[in-house]
Amino acid sequence: MSKTPKITVIGASNIDLIGFSKDPLIYKDANIGRLETILGGVGRNISENLKHLGFDVEFLSVFADDEFSKTLKDSCTDLGISIKHSLTLKNAKTSIYLAIMDRFNDLALGLTAMDIYDDVPDALILENLEVIAQSDYCILETNLPSSILELVTEKLPDLKFVLEGVSAKKAL
């Protein structure tokens, strides 16, 4: 009997605020539509989907000590995604992604407020090298600083990595 593959995902967890315009967008004005709040973040979404596919998932992320992050953590725990090696920062704000969709549900404008990931300490990786090394794969995404991505790949050169570019700007 084969063991369930273990995948470590290192990435972002955030709240997505999505606005859907009812009519053509009018810039510099209030538009009528509807709003949805969704639990998101590229790393969190990948973790959730892998868990639904039956993988053993370890999610390394950075959370704030606010209510949004509490909701995100509770969701991961409820899904069976391990976050026990993630970092929680005091007096930080949860990462938020704001999307404004046009009346055809195409993205008209996106805005990210992801300051919590600007200065991710090397300790997130260094203190968890053994946990990451025990994985069959490690998925990285570019919401984290390139120094973190470089650190994990340099420290664990024999591990199989997958990289998600996130956006055109962050893929650079």
N, C-alpha and C. Protein backbone atom coordinates (compact mmCIF):
# COMPACT_ATOMS: atom_id res chain seq x y z
N MET A 1 0.85 -1.18 0.00
CA MET A 1 0.00 0.00 0.00
C MET A 1 0.89 1.24 0.00
N SER A 2 0.64 2.15 -0.91
CA SER A 2 1.48 3.34 -1.00
C SER A 2 1.00 4.43 -0.04
N LYS A 3 1.96 5.22 0.41
CA LYS A 3 1.61 6.31 1.32
C LYS A 3 1.06 7.49 0.53
N THR A 4 0.28 8.31 1.20
CA THR A 4 -0.26 9.51 0.58
C THR A 4 0.89 10.49 0.39
N PRO A 5 1.08 10.99 -0.84
CA PRO A 5 2.17 11.96 -1.06
C PRO A 5 1.97 13.21 -0.20
N LYS A 6 3.09 13.69 0.34
CA LYS A 6 3.07 14.91 1.14
C LYS A 6 3.59 16.07 0.30
N ILE A 7 2.86 17.15 0.33
CA ILE A 7 3.24 18.36 -0.40
C ILE A 7 3.29 19.52 0.56
N THR A 8 4.39 20.25 0.54
CA THR A 8 4.49 21.49 1.30
C THR A 8 4.25 22.64 0.34
N VAL A 9 3.35 23.52 0.72
CA VAL A 9 3.07 24.73 -0.05
C VAL A 9 3.57 25.91 0.77
N ILE A 10 4.38 26.75 0.14
CA ILE A 10 4.89 27.95 0.81
C ILE A 10 4.34 29.14 0.04
N GLY A 11 3.46 29.90 0.70
CA GLY A 11 2.85 31.01 -0.02
C GLY A 11 1.88 31.82 0.81
N ALA A 12 1.06 32.57 0.11
CA ALA A 12 0.18 33.56 0.71
C ALA A 12 -1.19 33.01 1.04
N SER A 13 -1.75 33.61 2.07
CA SER A 13 -3.12 33.36 2.48
C SER A 13 -3.76 34.73 2.69
N ASN A 14 -4.85 34.98 2.03
CA ASN A 14 -5.46 36.30 2.17
C ASN A 14 -6.97 36.27 1.99
N ILE A 15 -7.55 37.41 2.23
CA ILE A 15 -8.97 37.63 2.02
C ILE A 15 -9.14 38.27 0.65
N ASP A 16 -10.03 37.72 -0.16
CA ASP A 16 -10.33 38.29 -1.46
C ASP A 16 -11.67 39.02 -1.37
N LEU A 17 -11.65 40.29 -1.73
CA LEU A 17 -12.88 41.08 -1.83
C LEU A 17 -13.13 41.28 -3.32
N ILE A 18 -14.26 40.75 -3.79
CA ILE A 18 -14.55 40.78 -5.22
C ILE A 18 -15.82 41.60 -5.44
N GLY A 19 -15.70 42.65 -6.27
CA GLY A 19 -16.84 43.48 -6.60
C GLY A 19 -17.27 43.22 -8.02
N PHE A 20 -18.55 42.98 -8.22
CA PHE A 20 -19.11 42.71 -9.54
C PHE A 20 -20.02 43.86 -9.93
N SER A 21 -19.68 44.52 -11.03
CA SER A 21 -20.48 45.66 -11.49
C SER A 21 -21.73 45.17 -12.21
N LYS A 22 -22.83 45.83 -11.94
CA LYS A 22 -24.10 45.49 -12.60
C LYS A 22 -24.14 46.06 -14.02
N ASP A 23 -23.57 47.23 -14.19
CA ASP A 23 -23.61 47.95 -15.46
C ASP A 23 -22.18 48.25 -15.91
N PRO A 24 -22.01 48.87 -17.08
CA PRO A 24 -20.65 49.26 -17.46
C PRO A 24 -20.01 50.12 -16.38
N LEU A 25 -18.73 49.86 -16.10
CA LEU A 25 -18.03 50.61 -15.06
C LEU A 25 -17.89 52.08 -15.44
N ILE A 26 -18.11 52.93 -14.47
CA ILE A 26 -17.88 54.36 -14.62
C ILE A 26 -16.76 54.71 -13.65
N TYR A 27 -15.61 55.07 -14.19
CA TYR A 27 -14.46 55.38 -13.35
C TYR A 27 -14.66 56.72 -12.64
N LYS A 28 -14.11 56.82 -11.46
CA LYS A 28 -14.21 57.99 -10.60
C LYS A 28 -15.64 58.25 -10.15
N ASP A 29 -16.42 57.15 -9.98
CA ASP A 29 -17.79 57.25 -9.51
C ASP A 29 -18.12 55.96 -8.75
N ALA A 30 -19.16 56.00 -7.94
CA ALA A 30 -19.64 54.81 -7.25
C ALA A 30 -20.46 53.99 -8.24
N ASN A 31 -20.14 52.71 -8.34
CA ASN A 31 -20.84 51.83 -9.26
C ASN A 31 -21.72 50.87 -8.45
N ILE A 32 -22.85 50.52 -9.02
CA ILE A 32 -23.79 49.61 -8.37
C ILE A 32 -23.42 48.19 -8.75
N GLY A 33 -23.45 47.33 -7.75
CA GLY A 33 -23.13 45.93 -8.01
C GLY A 33 -23.27 45.12 -6.74
N ARG A 34 -22.52 44.04 -6.67
CA ARG A 34 -22.53 43.20 -5.47
C ARG A 34 -21.10 42.87 -5.09
N LEU A 35 -20.91 42.57 -3.81
CA LEU A 35 -19.59 42.24 -3.27
C LEU A 35 -19.60 40.84 -2.69
N GLU A 36 -18.47 40.15 -2.84
CA GLU A 36 -18.29 38.85 -2.22
C GLU A 36 -16.96 38.85 -1.48
N THR A 37 -16.94 38.20 -0.35
CA THR A 37 -15.71 38.01 0.41
C THR A 37 -15.38 36.53 0.33
N ILE A 38 -14.17 36.23 -0.12
CA ILE A 38 -13.76 34.84 -0.35
C ILE A 38 -12.42 34.61 0.35
N LEU A 39 -12.25 33.43 0.93
CA LEU A 39 -10.96 33.06 1.49
C LEU A 39 -10.05 32.71 0.34
N GLY A 40 -8.88 33.35 0.30
CA GLY A 40 -8.01 33.14 -0.85
C GLY A 40 -6.55 33.19 -0.50
N GLY A 41 -5.80 33.62 -1.48
CA GLY A 41 -4.35 33.57 -1.44
C GLY A 41 -3.92 32.42 -2.31
N VAL A 42 -2.95 32.65 -3.16
CA VAL A 42 -2.55 31.61 -4.10
C VAL A 42 -2.10 30.34 -3.37
N GLY A 43 -1.24 30.49 -2.38
CA GLY A 43 -0.78 29.32 -1.64
C GLY A 43 -1.89 28.61 -0.91
N ARG A 44 -2.78 29.37 -0.30
CA ARG A 44 -3.91 28.76 0.41
C ARG A 44 -4.83 28.03 -0.55
N ASN A 45 -5.10 28.65 -1.70
CA ASN A 45 -5.98 28.01 -2.68
C ASN A 45 -5.37 26.73 -3.23
N ILE A 46 -4.07 26.75 -3.49
CA ILE A 46 -3.39 25.53 -3.96
C ILE A 46 -3.49 24.46 -2.87
N SER A 47 -3.24 24.85 -1.63
CA SER A 47 -3.32 23.90 -0.51
C SER A 47 -4.70 23.27 -0.42
N GLU A 48 -5.73 24.10 -0.52
CA GLU A 48 -7.10 23.57 -0.43
C GLU A 48 -7.39 22.59 -1.56
N ASN A 49 -7.01 22.94 -2.77
CA ASN A 49 -7.27 22.06 -3.90
C ASN A 49 -6.50 20.74 -3.79
N LEU A 50 -5.25 20.81 -3.33
CA LEU A 50 -4.48 19.58 -3.13
C LEU A 50 -5.11 18.70 -2.06
N LYS A 51 -5.62 19.33 -1.00
CA LYS A 51 -6.28 18.57 0.07
C LYS A 51 -7.52 17.87 -0.47
N HIS A 52 -8.30 18.57 -1.30
CA HIS A 52 -9.49 17.96 -1.91
C HIS A 52 -9.11 16.78 -2.80
N LEU A 53 -7.91 16.81 -3.37
CA LEU A 53 -7.42 15.70 -4.21
C LEU A 53 -6.83 14.56 -3.39
N GLY A 54 -6.79 14.72 -2.06
CA GLY A 54 -6.35 13.64 -1.20
C GLY A 54 -4.90 13.67 -0.76
N PHE A 55 -4.19 14.76 -1.02
CA PHE A 55 -2.79 14.86 -0.62
C PHE A 55 -2.68 15.27 0.85
N ASP A 56 -1.56 14.91 1.46
CA ASP A 56 -1.20 15.38 2.79
C ASP A 56 -0.52 16.73 2.59
N VAL A 57 -1.10 17.80 3.11
CA VAL A 57 -0.63 19.15 2.81
C VAL A 57 -0.13 19.87 4.06
N GLU A 58 1.09 20.38 3.95
CA GLU A 58 1.67 21.29 4.95
C GLU A 58 1.73 22.65 4.30
N PHE A 59 1.10 23.66 4.92
CA PHE A 59 1.05 25.01 4.36
C PHE A 59 1.86 25.94 5.25
N LEU A 60 2.92 26.50 4.68
CA LEU A 60 3.73 27.49 5.39
C LEU A 60 3.35 28.86 4.86
N SER A 61 2.83 29.69 5.74
CA SER A 61 2.42 31.02 5.36
C SER A 61 2.68 31.97 6.52
N VAL A 62 2.32 33.22 6.31
CA VAL A 62 2.43 34.23 7.36
C VAL A 62 1.02 34.78 7.59
N PHE A 63 0.60 34.71 8.85
CA PHE A 63 -0.71 35.20 9.23
C PHE A 63 -0.55 36.40 10.17
N ALA A 64 -1.60 37.21 10.24
CA ALA A 64 -1.64 38.31 11.19
C ALA A 64 -2.35 37.81 12.46
N ASP A 65 -2.46 38.68 13.45
CA ASP A 65 -3.17 38.29 14.67
C ASP A 65 -4.56 38.95 14.72
N ASP A 66 -5.16 39.14 13.55
CA ASP A 66 -6.47 39.78 13.48
C ASP A 66 -7.57 38.75 13.16
N GLU A 67 -8.80 39.23 13.09
CA GLU A 67 -9.95 38.33 12.86
C GLU A 67 -9.92 37.70 11.47
N PHE A 68 -9.45 38.44 10.45
CA PHE A 68 -9.36 37.86 9.11
C PHE A 68 -8.45 36.64 9.11
N SER A 69 -7.29 36.77 9.73
CA SER A 69 -6.36 35.63 9.76
C SER A 69 -6.90 34.49 10.61
N LYS A 70 -7.63 34.82 11.67
CA LYS A 70 -8.25 33.76 12.47
C LYS A 70 -9.19 32.95 11.59
N THR A 71 -9.96 33.62 10.76
CA THR A 71 -10.89 32.94 9.86
C THR A 71 -10.12 32.06 8.86
N LEU A 72 -9.02 32.61 8.31
CA LEU A 72 -8.21 31.84 7.37
C LEU A 72 -7.60 30.60 8.03
N LYS A 73 -7.07 30.78 9.23
CA LYS A 73 -6.48 29.64 9.96
C LYS A 73 -7.53 28.58 10.26
N ASP A 74 -8.69 29.03 10.75
CA ASP A 74 -9.76 28.08 11.06
C ASP A 74 -10.17 27.29 9.82
N SER A 75 -10.22 27.96 8.69
CA SER A 75 -10.58 27.29 7.45
C SER A 75 -9.56 26.21 7.09
N CYS A 76 -8.28 26.54 7.20
CA CYS A 76 -7.24 25.56 6.90
C CYS A 76 -7.37 24.36 7.84
N THR A 77 -7.55 24.62 9.11
CA THR A 77 -7.68 23.54 10.10
C THR A 77 -8.90 22.68 9.79
N ASP A 78 -10.02 23.31 9.48
CA ASP A 78 -11.25 22.58 9.15
C ASP A 78 -11.07 21.69 7.92
N LEU A 79 -10.25 22.14 6.97
CA LEU A 79 -10.00 21.38 5.75
C LEU A 79 -8.98 20.26 5.95
N GLY A 80 -8.29 20.28 7.10
CA GLY A 80 -7.26 19.28 7.34
C GLY A 80 -5.90 19.66 6.79
N ILE A 81 -5.71 20.94 6.52
CA ILE A 81 -4.43 21.46 6.04
C ILE A 81 -3.61 21.85 7.27
N SER A 82 -2.41 21.30 7.38
CA SER A 82 -1.55 21.64 8.52
C SER A 82 -0.96 23.03 8.33
N ILE A 83 -1.13 23.87 9.35
CA ILE A 83 -0.51 25.20 9.35
C ILE A 83 0.35 25.38 10.60
N LYS A 84 0.67 24.27 11.25
CA LYS A 84 1.35 24.35 12.54
C LYS A 84 2.76 24.93 12.45
N HIS A 85 3.33 25.00 11.26
CA HIS A 85 4.66 25.57 11.10
C HIS A 85 4.62 26.97 10.48
N SER A 86 3.42 27.50 10.30
CA SER A 86 3.27 28.85 9.77
C SER A 86 3.61 29.88 10.84
N LEU A 87 3.74 31.11 10.42
CA LEU A 87 4.13 32.20 11.30
C LEU A 87 2.94 33.13 11.51
N THR A 88 2.75 33.58 12.76
CA THR A 88 1.73 34.59 13.06
C THR A 88 2.45 35.83 13.59
N LEU A 89 2.22 36.95 12.93
CA LEU A 89 2.85 38.21 13.31
C LEU A 89 1.89 39.08 14.11
N LYS A 90 2.37 39.60 15.21
CA LYS A 90 1.56 40.50 16.03
C LYS A 90 1.52 41.88 15.37
N ASN A 91 0.38 42.54 15.54
CA ASN A 91 0.16 43.89 15.04
C ASN A 91 0.34 44.02 13.53
N ALA A 92 0.11 42.93 12.82
CA ALA A 92 0.17 42.95 11.36
C ALA A 92 -1.26 42.91 10.82
N LYS A 93 -1.40 43.19 9.53
CA LYS A 93 -2.71 43.14 8.89
C LYS A 93 -2.72 41.99 7.88
N THR A 94 -3.82 41.27 7.87
CA THR A 94 -4.00 40.18 6.92
C THR A 94 -3.91 40.72 5.49
N SER A 95 -3.32 39.94 4.66
CA SER A 95 -3.22 40.25 3.24
C SER A 95 -4.62 40.29 2.62
N ILE A 96 -4.86 41.30 1.81
CA ILE A 96 -6.16 41.45 1.14
C ILE A 96 -5.96 41.69 -0.34
N TYR A 97 -6.77 41.02 -1.15
CA TYR A 97 -6.79 41.23 -2.60
C TYR A 97 -8.17 41.78 -2.94
N LEU A 98 -8.19 42.91 -3.63
CA LEU A 98 -9.43 43.55 -4.06
C LEU A 98 -9.53 43.45 -5.57
N ALA A 99 -10.62 42.91 -6.06
CA ALA A 99 -10.84 42.80 -7.51
C ALA A 99 -12.14 43.49 -7.87
N ILE A 100 -12.09 44.28 -8.91
CA ILE A 100 -13.28 44.91 -9.47
C ILE A 100 -13.52 44.25 -10.82
N MET A 101 -14.66 43.61 -10.94
CA MET A 101 -15.01 42.91 -12.16
C MET A 101 -15.98 43.77 -12.97
N ASP A 102 -15.84 43.70 -14.29
CA ASP A 102 -16.78 44.45 -15.13
C ASP A 102 -18.09 43.65 -15.26
N ARG A 103 -19.02 44.18 -16.02
CA ARG A 103 -20.33 43.53 -16.11
C ARG A 103 -20.29 42.18 -16.82
N PHE A 104 -19.15 41.86 -17.45
CA PHE A 104 -18.98 40.55 -18.09
C PHE A 104 -18.18 39.60 -17.20
N ASN A 105 -17.96 40.02 -15.96
CA ASN A 105 -17.19 39.26 -14.97
C ASN A 105 -15.73 39.07 -15.36
N ASP A 106 -15.20 40.01 -16.12
CA ASP A 106 -13.77 40.05 -16.42
C ASP A 106 -13.12 41.05 -15.47
N LEU A 107 -11.90 40.75 -15.07
CA LEU A 107 -11.19 41.64 -14.16
C LEU A 107 -10.93 43.00 -14.82
N ALA A 108 -11.46 44.05 -14.22
CA ALA A 108 -11.20 45.41 -14.69
C ALA A 108 -10.02 46.01 -13.94
N LEU A 109 -9.93 45.70 -12.64
CA LEU A 109 -8.87 46.25 -11.82
C LEU A 109 -8.65 45.37 -10.60
N GLY A 110 -7.40 45.13 -10.29
CA GLY A 110 -7.06 44.37 -9.09
C GLY A 110 -6.10 45.18 -8.25
N LEU A 111 -6.20 45.04 -6.95
CA LEU A 111 -5.31 45.75 -6.03
C LEU A 111 -4.95 44.79 -4.90
N THR A 112 -3.65 44.70 -4.63
CA THR A 112 -3.21 43.84 -3.54
C THR A 112 -2.64 44.68 -2.41
N ALA A 113 -2.97 44.30 -1.20
CA ALA A 113 -2.40 44.90 0.01
C ALA A 113 -1.77 43.75 0.78
N MET A 114 -0.54 43.44 0.41
CA MET A 114 0.12 42.24 0.91
C MET A 114 1.41 42.57 1.63
N ASP A 115 1.41 43.68 2.35
CA ASP A 115 2.62 44.13 3.06
C ASP A 115 3.16 43.08 4.03
N ILE A 116 2.29 42.23 4.54
CA ILE A 116 2.70 41.23 5.52
C ILE A 116 3.77 40.29 4.96
N TYR A 117 3.85 40.18 3.62
CA TYR A 117 4.82 39.28 2.99
C TYR A 117 6.11 39.98 2.57
N ASP A 118 6.20 41.28 2.76
CA ASP A 118 7.39 42.02 2.33
C ASP A 118 8.66 41.60 3.05
N ASP A 119 8.56 41.34 4.32
CA ASP A 119 9.75 41.03 5.13
C ASP A 119 9.63 39.68 5.83
N VAL A 120 9.28 38.66 5.07
CA VAL A 120 9.18 37.32 5.65
C VAL A 120 10.57 36.92 6.16
N PRO A 121 10.67 36.56 7.43
CA PRO A 121 11.99 36.22 7.96
C PRO A 121 12.50 34.88 7.41
N ASP A 122 13.81 34.81 7.22
CA ASP A 122 14.43 33.56 6.77
C ASP A 122 14.10 32.42 7.72
N ALA A 123 13.83 32.73 8.97
CA ALA A 123 13.53 31.71 9.98
C ALA A 123 12.33 30.85 9.57
N LEU A 124 11.39 31.41 8.82
CA LEU A 124 10.23 30.61 8.38
C LEU A 124 10.72 29.38 7.62
N ILE A 125 11.76 29.55 6.83
CA ILE A 125 12.33 28.43 6.07
C ILE A 125 13.34 27.67 6.91
N LEU A 126 14.27 28.38 7.49
CA LEU A 126 15.37 27.73 8.21
C LEU A 126 14.89 26.84 9.35
N GLU A 127 13.87 27.28 10.08
CA GLU A 127 13.35 26.50 11.20
C GLU A 127 12.48 25.33 10.74
N ASN A 128 12.14 25.30 9.46
CA ASN A 128 11.25 24.26 8.95
C ASN A 128 11.87 23.44 7.82
N LEU A 129 13.19 23.48 7.69
CA LEU A 129 13.86 22.74 6.62
C LEU A 129 13.55 21.25 6.69
N GLU A 130 13.55 20.69 7.88
CA GLU A 130 13.27 19.25 8.02
C GLU A 130 11.84 18.92 7.59
N VAL A 131 10.90 19.77 7.96
CA VAL A 131 9.50 19.56 7.57
C VAL A 131 9.37 19.62 6.05
N ILE A 132 9.98 20.61 5.43
CA ILE A 132 9.91 20.77 3.98
C ILE A 132 10.61 19.59 3.30
N ALA A 133 11.76 19.19 3.81
CA ALA A 133 12.55 18.11 3.20
C ALA A 133 11.80 16.77 3.21
N GLN A 134 10.87 16.58 4.13
CA GLN A 134 10.11 15.34 4.20
C GLN A 134 8.99 15.28 3.18
N SER A 135 8.84 16.33 2.39
CA SER A 135 7.79 16.38 1.38
C SER A 135 8.23 15.70 0.10
N ASP A 136 7.23 15.22 -0.65
CA ASP A 136 7.51 14.69 -1.98
C ASP A 136 7.69 15.83 -2.98
N TYR A 137 6.99 16.92 -2.75
CA TYR A 137 7.08 18.12 -3.58
C TYR A 137 6.95 19.34 -2.69
N CYS A 138 7.50 20.46 -3.17
CA CYS A 138 7.31 21.74 -2.51
C CYS A 138 6.82 22.73 -3.57
N ILE A 139 5.69 23.34 -3.30
CA ILE A 139 5.13 24.32 -4.22
C ILE A 139 5.42 25.70 -3.65
N LEU A 140 6.02 26.54 -4.47
CA LEU A 140 6.34 27.92 -4.11
C LEU A 140 5.53 28.84 -4.99
N GLU A 141 5.20 30.01 -4.47
CA GLU A 141 4.51 31.01 -5.30
C GLU A 141 5.11 32.37 -5.04
N THR A 142 4.97 33.23 -6.02
CA THR A 142 5.74 34.48 -6.04
C THR A 142 5.12 35.65 -5.29
N ASN A 143 4.16 35.39 -4.40
CA ASN A 143 3.73 36.45 -3.49
C ASN A 143 4.75 36.66 -2.38
N LEU A 144 5.63 35.70 -2.20
CA LEU A 144 6.69 35.82 -1.20
C LEU A 144 7.92 36.46 -1.83
N PRO A 145 8.77 37.07 -1.02
CA PRO A 145 9.99 37.68 -1.57
C PRO A 145 10.87 36.63 -2.26
N SER A 146 11.54 37.05 -3.32
CA SER A 146 12.41 36.12 -4.05
C SER A 146 13.50 35.55 -3.15
N SER A 147 13.92 36.30 -2.13
CA SER A 147 14.95 35.79 -1.22
C SER A 147 14.49 34.53 -0.49
N ILE A 148 13.21 34.44 -0.17
CA ILE A 148 12.66 33.25 0.49
C ILE A 148 12.63 32.08 -0.49
N LEU A 149 12.23 32.35 -1.73
CA LEU A 149 12.18 31.30 -2.75
C LEU A 149 13.59 30.78 -3.02
N GLU A 150 14.54 31.68 -3.10
CA GLU A 150 15.94 31.28 -3.33
C GLU A 150 16.48 30.48 -2.15
N LEU A 151 16.15 30.90 -0.93
CA LEU A 151 16.66 30.23 0.26
C LEU A 151 16.21 28.77 0.31
N VAL A 152 14.93 28.52 0.11
CA VAL A 152 14.43 27.15 0.20
C VAL A 152 14.99 26.27 -0.91
N THR A 153 15.13 26.82 -2.11
CA THR A 153 15.68 26.00 -3.21
C THR A 153 17.17 25.76 -3.05
N GLU A 154 17.89 26.71 -2.47
CA GLU A 154 19.32 26.52 -2.23
C GLU A 154 19.57 25.53 -1.10
N LYS A 155 18.76 25.58 -0.04
CA LYS A 155 18.95 24.70 1.11
C LYS A 155 18.50 23.26 0.83
N LEU A 156 17.56 23.09 -0.09
CA LEU A 156 17.03 21.77 -0.39
C LEU A 156 17.09 21.49 -1.90
N PRO A 157 18.30 21.45 -2.47
CA PRO A 157 18.44 21.34 -3.92
C PRO A 157 17.92 20.03 -4.53
N ASP A 158 17.75 18.99 -3.73
CA ASP A 158 17.31 17.71 -4.27
C ASP A 158 15.79 17.52 -4.22
N LEU A 159 15.10 18.46 -3.61
CA LEU A 159 13.65 18.38 -3.51
C LEU A 159 13.02 18.78 -4.85
N LYS A 160 11.88 18.20 -5.17
CA LYS A 160 11.15 18.57 -6.38
C LYS A 160 10.32 19.81 -6.08
N PHE A 161 10.50 20.86 -6.89
CA PHE A 161 9.80 22.13 -6.69
C PHE A 161 8.87 22.43 -7.85
N VAL A 162 7.79 23.11 -7.53
CA VAL A 162 6.86 23.64 -8.52
C VAL A 162 6.72 25.12 -8.19
N LEU A 163 6.77 25.98 -9.20
CA LEU A 163 6.65 27.42 -8.99
C LEU A 163 5.42 27.96 -9.69
N GLU A 164 4.60 28.68 -8.93
CA GLU A 164 3.42 29.37 -9.48
C GLU A 164 3.76 30.84 -9.56
N GLY A 165 3.71 31.43 -10.76
CA GLY A 165 4.12 32.80 -10.99
C GLY A 165 3.16 33.87 -10.49
N VAL A 166 1.93 33.56 -10.18
CA VAL A 166 0.91 34.43 -9.59
C VAL A 166 0.39 35.50 -10.55
N SER A 167 1.26 36.39 -11.01
CA SER A 167 0.83 37.47 -11.91
C SER A 167 2.00 37.82 -12.82
N ALA A 168 1.74 38.57 -13.87
CA ALA A 168 2.81 38.96 -14.80
C ALA A 168 3.91 39.72 -14.06
N LYS A 169 3.52 40.66 -13.21
CA LYS A 169 4.51 41.46 -12.49
C LYS A 169 5.31 40.62 -11.51
N LYS A 170 4.63 39.76 -10.75
CA LYS A 170 5.31 38.98 -9.73
C LYS A 170 6.08 37.80 -10.32
N ALA A 171 5.77 37.38 -11.51
CA ALA A 171 6.50 36.28 -12.15
C ALA A 171 7.92 36.70 -12.49
N LEU A 172 8.15 38.00 -12.68
CA LEU A 172 9.49 38.48 -13.00
C LEU A 172 10.45 38.16 -11.87
